[in-house]
Amino acid sequence: MDKKYILNKEEVNRKIRRLAYEIAERNFGEDEICLAGIREQGYCLAKLLLEELKGISSVQTELISISLDKRNPVEIIVGSALDFTGKNILLVDDVASSGKTMLYALKPFLQYHPKKIETLALVERTHKQFPVKVDYVGLSVATTLEEHIFVEVVDGEIVGAYMN
């Protein structure tokens, strides 16, 4: 199977750096941000964003993981038991396709009263079936419903994204 790459490693790193600057700019003056990465690739992306943010911003940044079955998102597990009241939450995933995963991943935060919840995706597909707007987008791609986008991670590094 030939992979039709839409982002290579260098382009991914550039996107991550730009996204980190956008996050820092939009959250200037905030005390802290909680990066909530959706397992596995979303968490990896959140971790890379955290590293970039450390170098450019003094805002306190916390990293947590969100786990759920993307096909049947009944149980959503938050990696850390925190009180999210008054916090700025940034939900991070590798690809925003239908919006379903992000919508369900928001569920645990709704029992609190966060100050703000934003979303970020490295790659966003332009058609959504669920009402989720991605606030920070690395690359927006028009696809057909039959096409799928995959983000490749090797040893904790995102090495590319391809369409299938």
Protein backbone atom coordinates (compact mmCIF):
# COMPACT_ATOMS: atom_id res chain seq x y z
CA MET A 1 0.00 0.00 0.00
CA ASP A 2 1.40 3.38 -1.05
CA LYS A 3 0.95 6.10 1.53
CA LYS A 4 -0.10 9.48 0.19
CA TYR A 5 1.68 11.79 2.64
CA ILE A 6 0.10 15.15 3.34
CA LEU A 7 2.67 16.12 6.01
CA ASN A 8 6.26 14.94 6.46
CA LYS A 9 8.22 15.12 9.73
CA GLU A 10 9.69 18.56 9.02
CA GLU A 11 6.26 19.98 8.14
CA VAL A 12 4.74 18.41 11.28
CA ASN A 13 7.41 20.02 13.45
CA ARG A 14 6.73 23.40 11.81
CA LYS A 15 2.99 22.98 12.43
CA ILE A 16 3.59 22.08 16.09
CA ARG A 17 5.81 25.13 16.57
CA ARG A 18 3.20 27.42 14.95
CA LEU A 19 0.38 25.88 17.02
CA ALA A 20 2.40 26.42 20.20
CA TYR A 21 2.83 30.10 19.34
CA GLU A 22 -0.91 30.41 18.66
CA ILE A 23 -1.68 28.80 22.03
CA ALA A 24 0.76 31.11 23.83
CA GLU A 25 -0.66 34.17 22.06
CA ARG A 26 -4.33 33.35 22.70
CA ASN A 27 -3.62 32.49 26.33
CA PHE A 28 -1.35 35.42 27.14
CA GLY A 29 -1.95 36.48 30.73
CA GLU A 30 -3.48 33.15 31.78
CA ASP A 31 -2.05 31.40 34.83
CA GLU A 32 -2.25 27.87 33.47
CA ILE A 33 -3.38 25.62 30.64
CA CYS A 34 -4.26 21.95 30.89
CA LEU A 35 -3.33 20.04 27.73
CA ALA A 36 -5.64 17.01 27.53
CA GLY A 37 -4.26 14.65 24.88
CA ILE A 38 -6.49 11.91 23.50
CA ARG A 39 -4.59 8.61 23.54
CA GLU A 40 -2.40 7.64 21.66
CA GLN A 41 -1.47 10.09 18.90
CA GLY A 42 -3.31 13.03 20.49
CA TYR A 43 -1.38 12.52 23.73
CA CYS A 44 1.89 12.36 21.78
CA LEU A 45 0.96 15.62 20.04
CA ALA A 46 0.06 17.26 23.37
CA LYS A 47 3.44 16.20 24.77
CA LEU A 48 5.27 17.76 21.83
CA LEU A 49 3.21 20.95 22.20
CA LEU A 50 4.10 21.06 25.91
CA GLU A 51 7.81 20.97 25.04
CA GLU A 52 7.41 23.81 22.54
CA LEU A 53 5.34 25.88 24.98
CA LYS A 54 8.00 25.54 27.69
CA GLY A 55 10.47 27.31 25.41
CA ILE A 56 8.24 30.23 24.44
CA SER A 57 5.80 30.89 27.28
CA SER A 58 5.86 31.23 31.05
CA VAL A 59 2.29 29.94 31.43
CA GLN A 60 2.09 26.90 33.74
CA THR A 61 1.18 23.95 31.51
CA GLU A 62 -0.15 20.61 32.71
CA LEU A 63 -0.42 17.45 30.59
CA ILE A 64 -3.09 14.78 31.09
CA SER A 65 -4.29 11.88 29.00
CA ILE A 66 -7.80 11.02 27.90
CA SER A 67 -8.59 7.42 26.96
CA LEU A 68 -11.68 6.19 25.18
CA ASP A 69 -12.79 3.67 22.61
CA LYS A 70 -13.18 5.86 19.53
CA ARG A 71 -15.73 3.51 17.96
CA ASN A 72 -17.85 3.12 21.11
CA PRO A 73 -16.99 5.99 23.48
CA VAL A 74 -19.05 4.91 26.49
CA GLU A 75 -16.28 5.07 29.10
CA ILE A 76 -13.90 8.03 29.08
CA ILE A 77 -10.89 7.80 31.38
CA VAL A 78 -8.97 10.91 32.48
CA GLY A 79 -5.36 10.13 33.38
CA SER A 80 -5.25 12.43 36.41
CA ALA A 81 -7.93 13.05 39.01
CA LEU A 82 -7.97 16.83 39.04
CA ASP A 83 -10.55 19.48 39.73
CA PHE A 84 -10.95 21.30 36.40
CA THR A 85 -13.04 24.12 37.85
CA GLY A 86 -11.70 27.46 36.67
CA LYS A 87 -9.09 25.86 34.43
CA ASN A 88 -8.26 26.47 30.78
CA ILE A 89 -8.48 23.12 29.00
CA LEU A 90 -7.07 22.42 25.56
CA LEU A 91 -8.33 19.11 24.15
CA VAL A 92 -5.73 17.73 21.71
CA ASP A 93 -6.15 15.03 19.06
CA ASP A 94 -4.18 14.09 15.97
CA VAL A 95 -7.05 14.12 13.45
CA ALA A 96 -10.49 15.71 13.67
CA SER A 97 -12.70 13.72 11.33
CA SER A 98 -16.35 13.58 12.29
CA GLY A 99 -15.96 15.43 15.60
CA LYS A 100 -17.31 12.44 17.56
CA THR A 101 -14.12 11.62 19.50
CA MET A 102 -13.60 15.22 20.63
CA LEU A 103 -17.26 15.61 21.57
CA TYR A 104 -17.19 12.53 23.80
CA ALA A 105 -13.74 13.39 25.21
CA LEU A 106 -15.22 16.64 26.54
CA LYS A 107 -17.69 14.75 28.73
CA PRO A 108 -15.52 14.35 31.89
CA PHE A 109 -14.80 18.10 31.99
CA LEU A 110 -18.47 19.05 31.95
CA GLN A 111 -19.00 17.93 35.56
CA TYR A 112 -16.72 20.82 36.56
CA HIS A 113 -16.89 24.47 35.63
CA PRO A 114 -13.79 25.10 33.52
CA LYS A 115 -12.92 28.67 32.61
CA LYS A 116 -12.47 27.75 28.95
CA ILE A 117 -12.32 24.64 26.75
CA GLU A 118 -10.62 24.78 23.37
CA THR A 119 -9.77 22.08 20.83
CA LEU A 120 -6.70 21.40 18.70
CA ALA A 121 -6.04 18.95 15.88
CA LEU A 122 -2.92 18.49 13.79
CA VAL A 123 -5.12 17.63 10.80
CA GLU A 124 -8.77 18.59 10.40
CA ARG A 125 -11.09 17.11 7.81
CA THR A 126 -13.53 19.68 6.53
CA HIS A 127 -16.76 17.75 7.03
CA LYS A 128 -18.11 17.17 10.51
CA GLN A 129 -21.02 15.03 11.64
CA PHE A 130 -20.89 16.36 15.21
CA PRO A 131 -20.94 20.03 16.29
CA VAL A 132 -17.26 20.44 17.15
CA LYS A 133 -15.27 23.44 16.00
CA VAL A 134 -11.52 22.96 16.10
CA ASP A 135 -9.93 26.12 17.52
CA TYR A 136 -6.32 25.34 16.55
CA VAL A 137 -5.66 23.53 13.27
CA GLY A 138 -2.32 22.45 11.85
CA LEU A 139 -3.69 21.53 8.40
CA SER A 140 -7.24 21.53 7.08
CA VAL A 141 -7.90 18.96 4.35
CA ALA A 142 -10.93 18.42 2.14
CA THR A 143 -11.55 14.68 1.88
CA THR A 144 -14.27 12.32 0.81
CA LEU A 145 -16.06 10.26 3.45
CA GLU A 146 -14.20 7.17 2.20
CA GLU A 147 -10.76 8.72 2.68
CA HIS A 148 -9.05 8.43 6.04
CA ILE A 149 -6.13 10.34 7.53
CA PHE A 150 -3.53 8.67 9.73
CA VAL A 151 -0.80 10.26 11.84
CA GLU A 152 2.34 8.15 12.17
CA VAL A 153 4.19 8.12 15.48
CA VAL A 154 7.59 6.44 15.91
CA ASP A 155 9.34 6.49 19.30
CA GLY A 156 7.24 9.40 20.59
CA GLU A 157 7.86 11.54 17.49
CA ILE A 158 5.28 12.32 14.84
CA VAL A 159 6.95 11.39 11.57
CA GLY A 160 4.13 12.27 9.19
CA ALA A 161 0.48 12.20 8.24
CA TYR A 162 -0.97 10.41 5.25
CA MET A 163 -4.27 9.86 3.52
CA ASN A 164 -5.64 6.47 2.62
